[in-house]
Amino acid sequence: MKHTSLQIIRDEHSSLAAMLQSMRMMVERGPADKPESFFDVMRAMLFYIDEFPERLHHPKESNLLFPRVAKAAPHVMGTVDRLERDHMHSEKSVRDVQHLLLSWELLGESRHKAFTDAFKQYVDAYLEHMRLEEEVILPEAEKVLNEADWKELDAAFETNCDPLTGKYPPDPAYDRLFTRIVMRAPAPIGLGE
């Protein structure tokens, strides 16, 4: 049986991974002769990460998915503990990266390396986090969760509606943010250079 929550989680991971890869390409190229545009879209993308995955995706994993899987499959508890530690620190981590980006933008080249080092570590950790969820937790969930679990998980995740998955229109409150990201970010997320 197909569970919509699993597809939503995978779609959100895919759009977030694409966002992180687009950001990585932008950071590797640097601001060149368009620093205002570079910093603007980087800030918008980091804000998106802070707003959507941190506030919608992670709490549902932590409060609904992980406890059910850990209870039914205690052998994955070590992975669940690691993922929970990641979730506990992820909001601070994205805000630290946002601060370092702002430092680079406002204080100049002397802050570039601190940002790029922290950003690389952040992206690598985030991609590894999603890999563990997809390779350990989700397959285990498919094996051990019952229909009542899936009903609750599906209902909870179906409310996420992340527009960067390409399946939902943006919430009007976030329309400007998504327009900015899509118009200025490079592929695979946006239409920019």
C-alpha atoms as a PDB file:
ATOM      1  CA  MET A   1       0.000   0.000   0.000  1.00  0.00           C
ATOM      2  CA  LYS A   2       1.207   3.468  -0.844  1.00  0.00           C
ATOM      3  CA  HIS A   3       1.470   5.927   2.040  1.00  0.00           C
ATOM      4  CA  THR A   4       1.291   9.606   1.124  1.00  0.00           C
ATOM      5  CA  SER A   5       3.442  10.612   4.096  1.00  0.00           C
ATOM      6  CA  LEU A   6       6.391   8.625   2.698  1.00  0.00           C
ATOM      7  CA  GLN A   7       6.033  10.269  -0.711  1.00  0.00           C
ATOM      8  CA  ILE A   8       5.737  13.725   0.865  1.00  0.00           C
ATOM      9  CA  ILE A   9       8.839  13.149   2.994  1.00  0.00           C
ATOM     10  CA  ARG A  10      10.790  11.959  -0.057  1.00  0.00           C
ATOM     11  CA  ASP A  11       9.517  14.879  -2.177  1.00  0.00           C
ATOM     12  CA  GLU A  12      10.470  17.380   0.516  1.00  0.00           C
ATOM     13  CA  HIS A  13      13.894  15.771   0.887  1.00  0.00           C
ATOM     14  CA  SER A  14      14.363  15.922  -2.873  1.00  0.00           C
ATOM     15  CA  SER A  15      13.438  19.609  -3.110  1.00  0.00           C
ATOM     16  CA  LEU A  16      15.622  20.446  -0.116  1.00  0.00           C
ATOM     17  CA  ALA A  17      18.562  18.505  -1.562  1.00  0.00           C
ATOM     18  CA  ALA A  18      18.125  20.387  -4.848  1.00  0.00           C
ATOM     19  CA  MET A  19      18.043  23.667  -2.927  1.00  0.00           C
ATOM     20  CA  LEU A  20      21.209  22.773  -1.033  1.00  0.00           C
ATOM     21  CA  GLN A  21      22.971  21.738  -4.269  1.00  0.00           C
ATOM     22  CA  SER A  22      21.912  24.991  -5.968  1.00  0.00           C
ATOM     23  CA  MET A  23      23.251  26.942  -3.021  1.00  0.00           C
ATOM     24  CA  ARG A  24      26.474  24.943  -3.118  1.00  0.00           C
ATOM     25  CA  MET A  25      26.910  25.811  -6.820  1.00  0.00           C
ATOM     26  CA  MET A  26      26.267  29.468  -6.049  1.00  0.00           C
ATOM     27  CA  VAL A  27      28.803  29.491  -3.208  1.00  0.00           C
ATOM     28  CA  GLU A  28      31.421  27.784  -5.402  1.00  0.00           C
ATOM     29  CA  ARG A  29      30.941  30.446  -8.093  1.00  0.00           C
ATOM     30  CA  GLY A  30      30.713  33.278  -5.579  1.00  0.00           C
ATOM     31  CA  PRO A  31      29.016  36.636  -6.023  1.00  0.00           C
ATOM     32  CA  ALA A  32      31.213  37.697  -8.989  1.00  0.00           C
ATOM     33  CA  ASP A  33      29.962  41.027 -10.334  1.00  0.00           C
ATOM     34  CA  LYS A  34      26.432  40.606  -8.901  1.00  0.00           C
ATOM     35  CA  PRO A  35      26.919  40.562  -5.123  1.00  0.00           C
ATOM     36  CA  GLU A  36      23.528  42.118  -4.360  1.00  0.00           C
ATOM     37  CA  SER A  37      21.687  39.381  -6.252  1.00  0.00           C
ATOM     38  CA  PHE A  38      23.933  36.631  -4.855  1.00  0.00           C
ATOM     39  CA  PHE A  39      23.426  37.602  -1.225  1.00  0.00           C
ATOM     40  CA  ASP A  40      19.721  38.278  -1.738  1.00  0.00           C
ATOM     41  CA  VAL A  41      18.958  34.830  -3.127  1.00  0.00           C
ATOM     42  CA  MET A  42      21.234  33.082  -0.602  1.00  0.00           C
ATOM     43  CA  ARG A  43      19.407  34.836   2.250  1.00  0.00           C
ATOM     44  CA  ALA A  44      16.038  33.875   0.737  1.00  0.00           C
ATOM     45  CA  MET A  45      17.075  30.227   0.388  1.00  0.00           C
ATOM     46  CA  LEU A  46      18.385  30.005   3.946  1.00  0.00           C
ATOM     47  CA  PHE A  47      15.206  31.668   5.189  1.00  0.00           C
ATOM     48  CA  TYR A  48      13.161  29.065   3.298  1.00  0.00           C
ATOM     49  CA  ILE A  49      15.120  26.277   5.042  1.00  0.00           C
ATOM     50  CA  ASP A  50      14.501  27.932   8.402  1.00  0.00           C
ATOM     51  CA  GLU A  51      10.780  28.379   7.704  1.00  0.00           C
ATOM     52  CA  PHE A  52       9.708  25.140   6.019  1.00  0.00           C
ATOM     53  CA  PRO A  53      11.835  22.131   6.953  1.00  0.00           C
ATOM     54  CA  GLU A  54      12.499  23.428  10.460  1.00  0.00           C
ATOM     55  CA  ARG A  55       8.913  24.368  11.300  1.00  0.00           C
ATOM     56  CA  LEU A  56       6.859  21.817   9.314  1.00  0.00           C
ATOM     57  CA  HIS A  57       8.906  18.801   8.300  1.00  0.00           C
ATOM     58  CA  HIS A  58      11.186  18.124  11.280  1.00  0.00           C
ATOM     59  CA  PRO A  59       8.551  18.419  14.049  1.00  0.00           C
ATOM     60  CA  LYS A  60       6.340  15.845  12.333  1.00  0.00           C
ATOM     61  CA  GLU A  61       9.237  13.446  11.976  1.00  0.00           C
ATOM     62  CA  SER A  62      10.279  13.975  15.612  1.00  0.00           C
ATOM     63  CA  ASN A  63       6.811  13.874  17.135  1.00  0.00           C
ATOM     64  CA  LEU A  64       5.050  11.314  14.938  1.00  0.00           C
ATOM     65  CA  LEU A  65       7.351   9.198  12.776  1.00  0.00           C
ATOM     66  CA  PHE A  66      10.477   8.578  14.848  1.00  0.00           C
ATOM     67  CA  PRO A  67       8.738   7.517  18.101  1.00  0.00           C
ATOM     68  CA  ARG A  68       6.521   5.009  16.277  1.00  0.00           C
ATOM     69  CA  VAL A  69       9.425   3.489  14.379  1.00  0.00           C
ATOM     70  CA  ALA A  70      11.656   3.343  17.484  1.00  0.00           C
ATOM     71  CA  LYS A  71       8.904   1.654  19.498  1.00  0.00           C
ATOM     72  CA  ALA A  72       8.184  -0.959  16.837  1.00  0.00           C
ATOM     73  CA  ALA A  73      11.828  -1.461  15.800  1.00  0.00           C
ATOM     74  CA  PRO A  74      14.092  -0.793  18.810  1.00  0.00           C
ATOM     75  CA  HIS A  75      17.186  -1.760  16.803  1.00  0.00           C
ATOM     76  CA  VAL A  76      17.013   1.619  14.977  1.00  0.00           C
ATOM     77  CA  MET A  77      17.049   3.614  18.226  1.00  0.00           C
ATOM     78  CA  GLY A  78      20.681   4.673  17.701  1.00  0.00           C
ATOM     79  CA  THR A  79      19.774   6.191  14.341  1.00  0.00           C
ATOM     80  CA  VAL A  80      16.674   7.840  15.803  1.00  0.00           C
ATOM     81  CA  ASP A  81      18.793   9.343  18.600  1.00  0.00           C
ATOM     82  CA  ARG A  82      21.247  10.754  16.070  1.00  0.00           C
ATOM     83  CA  LEU A  83      18.454  12.198  13.906  1.00  0.00           C
ATOM     84  CA  GLU A  84      16.800  13.733  16.971  1.00  0.00           C
ATOM     85  CA  ARG A  85      20.088  15.383  17.981  1.00  0.00           C
ATOM     86  CA  ASP A  86      20.304  16.770  14.444  1.00  0.00           C
ATOM     87  CA  HIS A  87      16.765  18.154  14.716  1.00  0.00           C
ATOM     88  CA  MET A  88      17.503  19.713  18.104  1.00  0.00           C
ATOM     89  CA  HIS A  89      20.458  21.626  16.647  1.00  0.00           C
ATOM     90  CA  SER A  90      19.232  22.258  13.112  1.00  0.00           C
ATOM     91  CA  GLU A  91      17.409  25.531  13.763  1.00  0.00           C
ATOM     92  CA  LYS A  92      20.498  26.982  15.452  1.00  0.00           C
ATOM     93  CA  SER A  93      22.696  25.625  12.667  1.00  0.00           C
ATOM     94  CA  VAL A  94      20.769  27.337   9.863  1.00  0.00           C
ATOM     95  CA  ARG A  95      20.693  30.583  11.825  1.00  0.00           C
ATOM     96  CA  ASP A  96      24.446  30.383  12.404  1.00  0.00           C
ATOM     97  CA  VAL A  97      24.952  29.991   8.642  1.00  0.00           C
ATOM     98  CA  GLN A  98      22.577  32.914   8.008  1.00  0.00           C
ATOM     99  CA  HIS A  99      24.629  35.050  10.403  1.00  0.00           C
ATOM    100  CA  LEU A 100      27.894  34.070   8.725  1.00  0.00           C
ATOM    101  CA  LEU A 101      26.423  34.937   5.314  1.00  0.00           C
ATOM    102  CA  LEU A 102      25.377  38.342   6.620  1.00  0.00           C
ATOM    103  CA  SER A 103      28.852  38.829   8.100  1.00  0.00           C
ATOM    104  CA  TRP A 104      30.423  38.089   4.726  1.00  0.00           C
ATOM    105  CA  GLU A 105      28.005  40.415   2.951  1.00  0.00           C
ATOM    106  CA  LEU A 106      28.410  43.329   5.363  1.00  0.00           C
ATOM    107  CA  LEU A 107      32.019  42.962   6.506  1.00  0.00           C
ATOM    108  CA  GLY A 108      33.592  41.701   3.312  1.00  0.00           C
ATOM    109  CA  GLU A 109      36.062  39.143   2.123  1.00  0.00           C
ATOM    110  CA  SER A 110      37.658  38.581   5.541  1.00  0.00           C
ATOM    111  CA  ARG A 111      34.454  36.695   6.477  1.00  0.00           C
ATOM    112  CA  HIS A 112      34.185  34.634   3.260  1.00  0.00           C
ATOM    113  CA  LYS A 113      36.113  31.564   4.431  1.00  0.00           C
ATOM    114  CA  ALA A 114      34.262  31.301   7.752  1.00  0.00           C
ATOM    115  CA  PHE A 115      30.984  31.254   5.837  1.00  0.00           C
ATOM    116  CA  THR A 116      32.076  28.756   3.181  1.00  0.00           C
ATOM    117  CA  ASP A 117      33.573  26.378   5.750  1.00  0.00           C
ATOM    118  CA  ALA A 118      30.431  26.451   7.918  1.00  0.00           C
ATOM    119  CA  PHE A 119      28.151  26.240   4.884  1.00  0.00           C
ATOM    120  CA  LYS A 120      29.955  23.177   3.509  1.00  0.00           C
ATOM    121  CA  GLN A 121      29.725  21.444   6.875  1.00  0.00           C
ATOM    122  CA  TYR A 122      26.031  22.375   7.158  1.00  0.00           C
ATOM    123  CA  VAL A 123      25.164  21.024   3.695  1.00  0.00           C
ATOM    124  CA  ASP A 124      27.137  17.813   4.180  1.00  0.00           C
ATOM    125  CA  ALA A 125      25.467  17.190   7.549  1.00  0.00           C
ATOM    126  CA  TYR A 126      21.999  17.916   6.154  1.00  0.00           C
ATOM    127  CA  LEU A 127      22.443  15.587   3.179  1.00  0.00           C
ATOM    128  CA  GLU A 128      23.720  12.831   5.495  1.00  0.00           C
ATOM    129  CA  HIS A 129      20.743  13.396   7.805  1.00  0.00           C
ATOM    130  CA  MET A 130      18.276  12.935   4.941  1.00  0.00           C
ATOM    131  CA  ARG A 131      20.189   9.889   3.686  1.00  0.00           C
ATOM    132  CA  LEU A 132      19.848   8.197   7.092  1.00  0.00           C
ATOM    133  CA  GLU A 133      16.143   8.935   7.199  1.00  0.00           C
ATOM    134  CA  GLU A 134      15.605   7.522   3.720  1.00  0.00           C
ATOM    135  CA  GLU A 135      17.870   4.490   4.021  1.00  0.00           C
ATOM    136  CA  VAL A 136      17.162   3.463   7.629  1.00  0.00           C
ATOM    137  CA  ILE A 137      13.992   5.015   9.051  1.00  0.00           C
ATOM    138  CA  LEU A 138      11.616   5.046   6.076  1.00  0.00           C
ATOM    139  CA  PRO A 139      12.247   1.426   5.004  1.00  0.00           C
ATOM    140  CA  GLU A 140      11.855   0.328   8.620  1.00  0.00           C
ATOM    141  CA  ALA A 141       8.625   2.322   8.924  1.00  0.00           C
ATOM    142  CA  GLU A 142       7.250   0.520   5.866  1.00  0.00           C
ATOM    143  CA  LYS A 143       7.953  -2.810   7.573  1.00  0.00           C
ATOM    144  CA  VAL A 144       6.716  -2.136  11.101  1.00  0.00           C
ATOM    145  CA  LEU A 145       4.004   0.544  11.192  1.00  0.00           C
ATOM    146  CA  ASN A 146       0.328  -0.372  11.173  1.00  0.00           C
ATOM    147  CA  GLU A 147      -2.577   1.215   9.311  1.00  0.00           C
ATOM    148  CA  ALA A 148      -3.543   3.431  12.264  1.00  0.00           C
ATOM    149  CA  ASP A 149       0.029   4.804  12.329  1.00  0.00           C
ATOM    150  CA  TRP A 150      -0.057   5.467   8.588  1.00  0.00           C
ATOM    151  CA  LYS A 151      -3.436   7.144   8.777  1.00  0.00           C
ATOM    152  CA  GLU A 152      -2.144   9.637  11.343  1.00  0.00           C
ATOM    153  CA  LEU A 153       1.189  10.172   9.568  1.00  0.00           C
ATOM    154  CA  ASP A 154      -0.461  10.662   6.180  1.00  0.00           C
ATOM    155  CA  ALA A 155      -2.959  13.182   7.591  1.00  0.00           C
ATOM    156  CA  ALA A 156      -0.193  15.152   9.319  1.00  0.00           C
ATOM    157  CA  PHE A 157       2.228  15.290   6.385  1.00  0.00           C
ATOM    158  CA  GLU A 158      -0.511  16.061   3.851  1.00  0.00           C
ATOM    159  CA  THR A 159      -0.820  19.519   5.436  1.00  0.00           C
ATOM    160  CA  ASN A 160       2.810  20.484   4.624  1.00  0.00           C
ATOM    161  CA  CYS A 161       2.261  21.684   1.020  1.00  0.00           C
ATOM    162  CA  ASP A 162       5.866  22.759   0.372  1.00  0.00           C
ATOM    163  CA  PRO A 163       5.719  24.659  -2.955  1.00  0.00           C
ATOM    164  CA  LEU A 164       9.332  23.844  -3.822  1.00  0.00           C
ATOM    165  CA  THR A 165       8.322  20.222  -4.373  1.00  0.00           C
ATOM    166  CA  GLY A 166       6.525  21.544  -7.472  1.00  0.00           C
ATOM    167  CA  LYS A 167       3.218  20.036  -6.350  1.00  0.00           C
ATOM    168  CA  TYR A 168       1.618  22.931  -4.470  1.00  0.00           C
ATOM    169  CA  PRO A 169       1.123  26.631  -5.083  1.00  0.00           C
ATOM    170  CA  PRO A 170       2.899  28.870  -2.571  1.00  0.00           C
ATOM    171  CA  ASP A 171       1.009  30.122   0.443  1.00  0.00           C
ATOM    172  CA  PRO A 172       0.173  33.762  -0.361  1.00  0.00           C
ATOM    173  CA  ALA A 173       2.205  34.844   2.678  1.00  0.00           C
ATOM    174  CA  TYR A 174       5.284  33.245   1.102  1.00  0.00           C
ATOM    175  CA  ASP A 175       4.598  34.032  -2.546  1.00  0.00           C
ATOM    176  CA  ARG A 176       7.229  36.792  -2.719  1.00  0.00           C
ATOM    177  CA  LEU A 177       9.851  34.513  -1.124  1.00  0.00           C
ATOM    178  CA  PHE A 178       9.239  31.683  -3.607  1.00  0.00           C
ATOM    179  CA  THR A 179       9.117  34.041  -6.567  1.00  0.00           C
ATOM    180  CA  ARG A 180      12.476  35.492  -5.494  1.00  0.00           C
ATOM    181  CA  ILE A 181      14.035  32.044  -5.112  1.00  0.00           C
ATOM    182  CA  VAL A 182      12.669  30.647  -8.378  1.00  0.00           C
ATOM    183  CA  MET A 183      13.532  33.719 -10.456  1.00  0.00           C
ATOM    184  CA  ARG A 184      17.064  34.190  -9.095  1.00  0.00           C
ATOM    185  CA  ALA A 185      18.343  30.772  -8.016  1.00  0.00           C
ATOM    186  CA  PRO A 186      20.190  28.597 -10.517  1.00  0.00           C
ATOM    187  CA  ALA A 187      18.787  25.263 -11.699  1.00  0.00           C
ATOM    188  CA  PRO A 188      17.741  22.782 -10.466  1.00  0.00           C
ATOM    189  CA  ILE A 189      15.696  25.052  -8.146  1.00  0.00           C
ATOM    190  CA  GLY A 190      15.272  28.197 -10.150  1.00  0.00           C
ATOM    191  CA  LEU A 191      15.435  29.966 -13.471  1.00  0.00           C
ATOM    192  CA  GLY A 192      18.461  32.142 -12.667  1.00  0.00           C
ATOM    193  CA  GLU A 193      21.925  31.839 -14.149  1.00  0.00           C
END
